[in-house]
C-alpha atoms as a PDB file:
ATOM      1  CA  UNK A   1     -24.329 -15.875  22.364  1.00  0.00           C
ATOM      2  CA  UNK A   2     -20.633 -14.044  22.003  1.00  0.00           C
ATOM      3  CA  UNK A   3     -19.045 -13.749  18.710  1.00  0.00           C
ATOM      4  CA  UNK A   4     -16.637 -16.065  18.732  1.00  0.00           C
ATOM      5  CA  UNK A   5     -13.359 -14.686  16.374  1.00  0.00           C
ATOM      6  CA  UNK A   6     -12.213 -18.173  15.966  1.00  0.00           C
ATOM      7  CA  UNK A   7     -15.460 -19.395  14.885  1.00  0.00           C
ATOM      8  CA  UNK A   8     -15.308 -20.334  10.541  1.00  0.00           C
ATOM      9  CA  UNK A   9     -18.380 -19.963   9.997  1.00  0.00           C
ATOM     10  CA  UNK A  10     -18.101 -16.568  11.231  1.00  0.00           C
ATOM     11  CA  UNK A  11     -15.106 -14.393   8.507  1.00  0.00           C
ATOM     12  CA  UNK A  12     -14.615 -10.996   7.886  1.00  0.00           C
ATOM     13  CA  UNK A  13     -12.979 -12.564   4.284  1.00  0.00           C
ATOM     14  CA  UNK A  14     -16.240 -14.612   3.481  1.00  0.00           C
ATOM     15  CA  UNK A  15     -19.483 -12.090   2.955  1.00  0.00           C
ATOM     16  CA  UNK A  16     -21.980 -14.356   4.727  1.00  0.00           C
ATOM     17  CA  UNK A  17     -24.948 -15.090   2.362  1.00  0.00           C
ATOM     18  CA  UNK A  18     -27.878 -12.948   2.685  1.00  0.00           C
ATOM     19  CA  UNK A  19     -31.436 -13.662   2.324  1.00  0.00           C
ATOM     20  CA  UNK A  20     -32.830 -13.073  -1.286  1.00  0.00           C
ATOM     21  CA  UNK A  21     -36.079 -11.929  -1.121  1.00  0.00           C
ATOM     22  CA  UNK A  22     -38.414 -12.295  -4.357  1.00  0.00           C
ATOM     23  CA  UNK A  23     -39.843  -9.419  -6.020  1.00  0.00           C
ATOM     24  CA  UNK A  24     -43.095  -7.300  -3.690  1.00  0.00           C
ATOM     25  CA  UNK A  25     -46.654  -8.769  -5.621  1.00  0.00           C
ATOM     26  CA  UNK A  26     -47.977  -6.653  -7.879  1.00  0.00           C
ATOM     27  CA  UNK A  27     -46.714  -4.528 -11.258  1.00  0.00           C
ATOM     28  CA  UNK A  28     -43.222  -3.507 -11.185  1.00  0.00           C
ATOM     29  CA  UNK A  29     -42.652  -0.159 -11.840  1.00  0.00           C
ATOM     30  CA  UNK A  30     -40.806   1.475 -15.551  1.00  0.00           C
ATOM     31  CA  UNK A  31     -37.277   2.847 -15.420  1.00  0.00           C
ATOM     32  CA  UNK A  32     -38.281   6.367 -16.691  1.00  0.00           C
ATOM     33  CA  UNK A  33     -36.734   7.156 -19.918  1.00  0.00           C
ATOM     34  CA  UNK A  34     -34.340   9.429 -18.997  1.00  0.00           C
ATOM     35  CA  UNK A  35     -32.839   7.202 -16.656  1.00  0.00           C
ATOM     36  CA  UNK A  36     -33.054   4.456 -19.947  1.00  0.00           C
ATOM     37  CA  UNK A  37     -31.074   7.136 -22.098  1.00  0.00           C
ATOM     38  CA  UNK A  38     -27.885   7.365 -19.141  1.00  0.00           C
ATOM     39  CA  UNK A  39     -27.927   3.218 -18.808  1.00  0.00           C
ATOM     40  CA  UNK A  40     -27.553   3.206 -22.632  1.00  0.00           C
ATOM     41  CA  UNK A  41     -24.607   6.717 -22.483  1.00  0.00           C
ATOM     42  CA  UNK A  42     -23.091   5.092 -19.972  1.00  0.00           C
ATOM     43  CA  UNK A  43     -22.763   0.938 -21.657  1.00  0.00           C
ATOM     44  CA  UNK A  44     -21.466   2.980 -24.881  1.00  0.00           C
ATOM     45  CA  UNK A  45     -19.038   5.191 -22.716  1.00  0.00           C
ATOM     46  CA  UNK A  46     -17.555   2.608 -21.109  1.00  0.00           C
ATOM     47  CA  UNK A  47     -17.536   0.225 -25.026  1.00  0.00           C
ATOM     48  CA  UNK A  48     -15.651   3.155 -26.308  1.00  0.00           C
ATOM     49  CA  UNK A  49     -13.394   3.069 -23.559  1.00  0.00           C
ATOM     50  CA  UNK A  50     -12.674  -0.861 -23.777  1.00  0.00           C
ATOM     51  CA  UNK A  51     -11.754  -0.320 -27.146  1.00  0.00           C
ATOM     52  CA  UNK A  52      -9.742   2.439 -27.194  1.00  0.00           C
ATOM     53  CA  UNK A  53      -7.667   0.702 -24.620  1.00  0.00           C
ATOM     54  CA  UNK A  54      -7.873  -2.613 -26.260  1.00  0.00           C
ATOM     55  CA  UNK A  55      -6.388  -1.116 -29.784  1.00  0.00           C
ATOM     56  CA  UNK A  56      -3.946   0.400 -27.286  1.00  0.00           C
ATOM     57  CA  UNK A  57      -3.378  -3.523 -26.221  1.00  0.00           C
ATOM     58  CA  UNK A  58      -4.278  -2.544 -22.411  1.00  0.00           C
ATOM     59  CA  UNK A  59      -6.227  -4.804 -20.617  1.00  0.00           C
ATOM     60  CA  UNK A  60      -7.938  -3.627 -17.183  1.00  0.00           C
ATOM     61  CA  UNK A  61      -5.487  -5.169 -15.095  1.00  0.00           C
ATOM     62  CA  UNK A  62      -2.223  -3.590 -17.204  1.00  0.00           C
ATOM     63  CA  UNK A  63      -4.130   0.015 -16.690  1.00  0.00           C
ATOM     64  CA  UNK A  64      -4.199  -0.711 -13.142  1.00  0.00           C
ATOM     65  CA  UNK A  65      -0.804  -2.487 -13.401  1.00  0.00           C
ATOM     66  CA  UNK A  66       0.801   0.931 -14.983  1.00  0.00           C
ATOM     67  CA  UNK A  67      -0.878   3.212 -13.020  1.00  0.00           C
ATOM     68  CA  UNK A  68       1.228   1.732  -9.791  1.00  0.00           C
ATOM     69  CA  UNK A  69       4.289   1.315 -11.472  1.00  0.00           C
ATOM     70  CA  UNK A  70       3.833   5.376 -12.522  1.00  0.00           C
ATOM     71  CA  UNK A  71       2.592   6.130  -8.451  1.00  0.00           C
ATOM     72  CA  UNK A  72       5.951   4.004  -7.676  1.00  0.00           C
ATOM     73  CA  UNK A  73       8.324   5.742  -9.646  1.00  0.00           C
ATOM     74  CA  UNK A  74       7.182   9.274  -8.666  1.00  0.00           C
ATOM     75  CA  UNK A  75       7.528   8.271  -4.494  1.00  0.00           C
ATOM     76  CA  UNK A  76      11.047   6.956  -5.909  1.00  0.00           C
ATOM     77  CA  UNK A  77      11.793  10.329  -7.049  1.00  0.00           C
ATOM     78  CA  UNK A  78      10.179  12.442  -4.275  1.00  0.00           C
ATOM     79  CA  UNK A  79      12.023  10.460  -1.853  1.00  0.00           C
ATOM     80  CA  UNK A  80      15.741  10.929  -3.975  1.00  0.00           C
ATOM     81  CA  UNK A  81      15.164  14.561  -4.495  1.00  0.00           C
ATOM     82  CA  UNK A  82      14.190  14.788  -0.725  1.00  0.00           C
ATOM     83  CA  UNK A  83      17.325  12.798   0.256  1.00  0.00           C
ATOM     84  CA  UNK A  84      19.780  15.362  -1.776  1.00  0.00           C
ATOM     85  CA  UNK A  85      18.594  18.149   0.335  1.00  0.00           C
END
């Protein structure tokens, strides 16, 4: 069977559904204490960062947009400096 790129059931933009398999039978392995501690620390760092940004009044989207604006300004400055020579 050939892959038809015009087939609406096959899309590069929509991920295909995957079968969700149940966990294998038997006792589940416990997470190590070091891994649990690392996850707690990672969550604490993420919460602290979100709090700092919220206090400044920035959401994640605002941080991304500000970064894009900064990159655009830097590119424009480089173009202006190079075009003057």
